[in-house]
Amino acid sequence: MHKARPLAVLFDLDGTLVDTIPFILASVRHAFEGYGPAPSDAAWIAGIGTPLRDQLASFARRPEDVDPLFERYRAYWRAEHDRRTRCFPGGLEVVRQLAGAGHPLAVVTAKLEEGAWRTLKHTGLAPFMGAVIGADSCARAKPDPEPVRLALERLGRAPGEALMVGDSSHDLVAGRRAGVRTAAALWGACDRATLEAAAPDHLLESVLEVPALVEALGAVPGGA
């Protein structure tokens, strides 16, 4: 006999659970001060969901400039993090509700794992996460499916037992390639057209809609 198991929910972090896009853009501007013109907000947002070093490399004049830009970004991020990092309204309550209903939860982010944990602890989200996968947790980053697969492995769930929620095409493509259902977070960094082009299974207007979607998807067949 098989019994039903609660659906696992995998979340991106910045722009999905935490309202940090303005903070990220400010960090980018700080990193480029004295170096040259900073990327436009639109240009940087287009690459959100990929690791920071990779994004910086696409705007640096020379490969050797990436590390100094990275360090300037990180110094500003560390100094301003607690003041400028908060959950989207209702985000913490949604996560608490899902965890209380028995749904395994994870974060799959392009942040370094250390930074992800700092954000999760600061916002109160950390106790509810069964896995946190960062840019340095495995060899490949989103949109490669490896981070999603690693999160599923740590949660003990198969692809058909999970939903990926994210605000960038990288989140949605990674989820689809890993075989999980996907939901686009329209309240985050990317516009509707960009997210629709990534062919998500669902479009959500607010983080408050996540529990209803999870309930509608229902429990899935699990282990004996």
Protein backbone atom coordinates (compact mmCIF):
# COMPACT_ATOMS: atom_id res chain seq x y z
CA MET A 1 0.00 0.00 0.00
CA HIS A 2 1.11 3.54 -0.75
CA LYS A 3 0.16 6.47 1.40
CA ALA A 4 -0.11 10.08 0.38
CA ARG A 5 2.70 12.42 1.37
CA PRO A 6 2.51 16.21 1.57
CA LEU A 7 3.96 18.01 -1.43
CA ALA A 8 7.45 19.45 -0.98
CA VAL A 9 7.77 23.16 -1.75
CA LEU A 10 11.05 24.60 -3.01
CA PHE A 11 11.43 28.37 -2.89
CA ASP A 12 13.84 30.77 -4.45
CA LEU A 13 14.88 33.35 -1.85
CA ASP A 14 15.49 36.92 -3.10
CA GLY A 15 12.42 38.29 -4.83
CA THR A 16 10.34 35.27 -3.83
CA LEU A 17 10.35 35.01 -0.04
CA VAL A 18 12.33 38.13 0.82
CA ASP A 19 11.82 41.63 -0.57
CA THR A 20 15.45 42.41 -1.36
CA ILE A 21 15.58 43.43 -5.03
CA PRO A 22 16.09 47.16 -4.21
CA PHE A 23 18.85 46.14 -1.78
CA ILE A 24 20.52 43.99 -4.45
CA LEU A 25 20.46 46.87 -6.93
CA ALA A 26 21.94 49.23 -4.34
CA SER A 27 24.72 46.69 -3.69
CA VAL A 28 25.50 46.57 -7.41
CA ARG A 29 25.71 50.35 -7.64
CA HIS A 30 28.05 50.41 -4.65
CA ALA A 31 30.27 47.72 -6.20
CA PHE A 32 30.72 49.80 -9.37
CA GLU A 33 31.38 53.15 -7.66
CA GLY A 34 34.74 54.44 -8.84
CA TYR A 35 35.04 51.63 -11.39
CA GLY A 36 32.72 52.69 -14.17
CA PRO A 37 29.06 52.91 -15.04
CA ALA A 38 26.97 50.44 -13.07
CA PRO A 39 24.70 48.07 -14.98
CA SER A 40 21.22 49.44 -15.42
CA ASP A 41 18.58 48.04 -13.10
CA ALA A 42 16.93 46.27 -16.05
CA ALA A 43 20.22 44.72 -17.19
CA TRP A 44 20.99 43.42 -13.71
CA ILE A 45 17.46 42.11 -13.12
CA ALA A 46 17.67 40.19 -16.40
CA GLY A 47 20.46 38.10 -14.87
CA ILE A 48 18.99 37.62 -11.39
CA GLY A 49 18.97 33.96 -10.50
CA THR A 50 22.56 33.35 -11.56
CA PRO A 51 25.54 33.42 -9.16
CA LEU A 52 26.90 36.85 -8.27
CA ARG A 53 30.39 36.27 -9.68
CA ASP A 54 28.93 35.18 -13.01
CA GLN A 55 26.76 38.29 -13.20
CA LEU A 56 29.64 40.59 -12.29
CA ALA A 57 31.88 38.94 -14.88
CA SER A 58 29.41 39.85 -17.61
CA PHE A 59 29.80 43.57 -16.77
CA ALA A 60 33.48 43.74 -15.74
CA ARG A 61 35.97 45.16 -18.23
CA ARG A 62 38.59 42.52 -17.41
CA PRO A 63 38.46 39.10 -15.71
CA GLU A 64 40.80 40.32 -12.97
CA ASP A 65 38.28 43.00 -12.01
CA VAL A 66 35.63 40.49 -10.94
CA ASP A 67 37.08 39.72 -7.50
CA PRO A 68 37.37 43.38 -6.41
CA LEU A 69 33.81 44.05 -7.62
CA PHE A 70 32.64 40.96 -5.76
CA GLU A 71 34.32 42.07 -2.54
CA ARG A 72 32.85 45.58 -2.77
CA TYR A 73 29.39 44.13 -3.32
CA ARG A 74 29.75 41.73 -0.42
CA ALA A 75 31.10 44.40 1.95
CA TYR A 76 28.08 46.60 1.30
CA TRP A 77 25.73 43.61 1.52
CA ARG A 78 27.12 42.57 4.92
CA ALA A 79 26.94 46.09 6.31
CA GLU A 80 23.39 46.80 5.13
CA HIS A 81 21.82 43.33 5.25
CA ASP A 82 19.86 43.48 8.48
CA ARG A 83 18.53 46.97 7.82
CA ARG A 84 17.39 46.24 4.27
CA THR A 85 16.25 42.60 4.40
CA ARG A 86 12.66 41.61 5.18
CA CYS A 87 10.10 39.04 4.10
CA PHE A 88 7.39 39.96 1.67
CA PRO A 89 4.20 40.67 3.63
CA GLY A 90 2.73 37.35 4.66
CA GLY A 91 5.76 35.36 3.53
CA LEU A 92 6.77 34.14 6.97
CA GLU A 93 3.19 33.20 7.79
CA VAL A 94 2.88 31.25 4.53
CA VAL A 95 6.04 29.30 5.26
CA ARG A 96 4.93 28.62 8.83
CA GLN A 97 1.53 27.43 7.57
CA LEU A 98 3.04 25.06 5.00
CA ALA A 99 5.52 23.62 7.49
CA GLY A 100 2.75 23.18 10.05
CA ALA A 101 0.75 21.18 7.52
CA GLY A 102 3.69 18.81 7.08
CA HIS A 103 5.08 20.04 3.77
CA PRO A 104 8.88 19.65 3.49
CA LEU A 105 10.38 23.02 2.55
CA ALA A 106 13.65 24.09 0.98
CA VAL A 107 15.35 27.17 -0.44
CA VAL A 108 17.16 26.90 -3.76
CA THR A 109 19.02 30.15 -4.37
CA ALA A 110 21.85 31.68 -6.38
CA LYS A 111 23.19 33.25 -3.15
CA LEU A 112 26.14 31.68 -1.41
CA GLU A 113 24.89 29.26 1.22
CA GLU A 114 26.37 31.36 4.06
CA GLY A 115 24.48 34.44 2.85
CA ALA A 116 21.27 32.47 2.40
CA TRP A 117 21.42 31.22 5.98
CA ARG A 118 22.04 34.75 7.27
CA THR A 119 18.93 35.97 5.45
CA LEU A 120 16.84 33.03 6.63
CA LYS A 121 17.88 33.49 10.25
CA HIS A 122 17.35 37.26 10.18
CA THR A 123 13.84 36.94 8.77
CA GLY A 124 12.76 34.02 10.96
CA LEU A 125 12.45 31.61 8.02
CA ALA A 126 15.36 29.34 8.97
CA PRO A 127 13.57 26.95 11.38
CA PHE A 128 11.14 25.86 8.68
CA MET A 129 13.68 24.89 6.01
CA GLY A 130 14.67 21.26 5.64
CA ALA A 131 17.34 22.12 3.07
CA VAL A 132 19.14 25.21 1.83
CA ILE A 133 20.92 24.95 -1.51
CA GLY A 134 23.16 27.87 -2.48
CA ALA A 135 25.40 28.71 -5.41
CA ASP A 136 28.29 26.94 -3.67
CA SER A 137 26.31 23.86 -2.57
CA CYS A 138 26.89 21.96 -5.81
CA ALA A 139 28.88 22.17 -9.02
CA ARG A 140 26.24 23.79 -11.22
CA ALA A 141 23.76 26.61 -10.61
CA LYS A 142 20.27 27.34 -11.89
CA PRO A 143 19.03 27.06 -14.63
CA ASP A 144 20.82 23.71 -14.43
CA PRO A 145 18.57 21.25 -12.56
CA GLU A 146 21.32 20.07 -10.19
CA PRO A 147 20.44 22.43 -7.29
CA VAL A 148 16.78 21.42 -7.47
CA ARG A 149 17.68 17.74 -7.56
CA LEU A 150 19.98 18.19 -4.56
CA ALA A 151 17.18 19.87 -2.60
CA LEU A 152 14.84 16.97 -3.44
CA GLU A 153 17.47 14.47 -2.34
CA ARG A 154 17.90 16.22 1.02
CA LEU A 155 14.14 16.39 1.54
CA GLY A 156 13.67 12.76 0.53
CA ARG A 157 11.25 13.58 -2.26
CA ALA A 158 10.95 12.60 -5.92
CA PRO A 159 10.45 15.23 -8.64
CA GLY A 160 6.76 14.40 -8.92
CA GLU A 161 6.34 15.22 -5.23
CA ALA A 162 7.49 18.84 -5.42
CA LEU A 163 6.65 22.37 -6.51
CA MET A 164 9.27 25.04 -7.32
CA VAL A 165 8.31 28.69 -6.69
CA GLY A 166 10.56 31.40 -8.11
CA ASP A 167 10.63 34.89 -9.57
CA SER A 168 13.13 34.37 -12.39
CA SER A 169 13.25 32.28 -15.54
CA HIS A 170 16.30 30.49 -14.08
CA ASP A 171 14.17 29.18 -11.21
CA LEU A 172 11.44 27.95 -13.51
CA VAL A 173 13.73 26.37 -16.08
CA ALA A 174 15.73 24.60 -13.36
CA GLY A 175 12.52 23.26 -11.86
CA ARG A 176 11.16 22.08 -15.19
CA ARG A 177 14.44 20.39 -16.11
CA ALA A 178 14.41 18.60 -12.76
CA GLY A 179 10.88 17.36 -13.42
CA VAL A 180 9.07 19.34 -10.73
CA ARG A 181 6.00 21.51 -11.17
CA THR A 182 6.74 25.23 -11.27
CA ALA A 183 5.00 28.41 -10.14
CA ALA A 184 6.11 31.89 -11.23
CA ALA A 185 6.25 34.54 -8.49
CA LEU A 186 4.88 37.61 -10.25
CA TRP A 187 5.59 39.82 -7.23
CA GLY A 188 9.37 39.47 -7.65
CA ALA A 189 12.07 40.87 -9.92
CA CYS A 190 10.97 39.75 -13.38
CA ASP A 191 7.97 40.88 -15.38
CA ARG A 192 5.08 38.66 -16.42
CA ALA A 193 6.20 38.33 -20.04
CA THR A 194 9.66 37.10 -19.01
CA LEU A 195 8.21 34.55 -16.62
CA GLU A 196 5.52 33.37 -19.03
CA ALA A 197 8.25 32.75 -21.62
CA ALA A 198 9.78 30.24 -19.19
CA ALA A 199 6.56 28.19 -19.41
CA PRO A 200 5.68 27.81 -15.71
CA ASP A 201 2.86 25.48 -14.75
CA HIS A 202 1.26 28.20 -12.62
CA LEU A 203 1.33 32.00 -12.27
CA LEU A 204 0.90 33.49 -8.80
CA GLU A 205 0.20 37.16 -8.07
CA SER A 206 1.15 37.03 -4.37
CA VAL A 207 3.06 34.81 -1.97
CA LEU A 208 -0.24 34.52 -0.11
CA GLU A 209 -1.53 32.36 -2.99
CA VAL A 210 1.04 29.61 -2.46
CA PRO A 211 -0.85 27.58 0.19
CA ALA A 212 -4.02 27.44 -1.94
CA LEU A 213 -2.02 26.19 -4.94
CA VAL A 214 -0.30 23.56 -2.82
CA GLU A 215 -3.66 22.43 -1.48
CA ALA A 216 -5.14 22.33 -5.00
CA LEU A 217 -2.27 20.19 -6.25
CA GLY A 218 -3.03 17.85 -3.39
CA ALA A 219 -1.07 15.07 -1.80
CA VAL A 220 0.88 12.82 -4.12
CA PRO A 221 1.59 9.07 -3.92
CA GLY A 222 4.51 8.40 -1.63
CA GLY A 223 6.31 5.56 0.05
CA ALA A 224 4.79 2.59 1.77
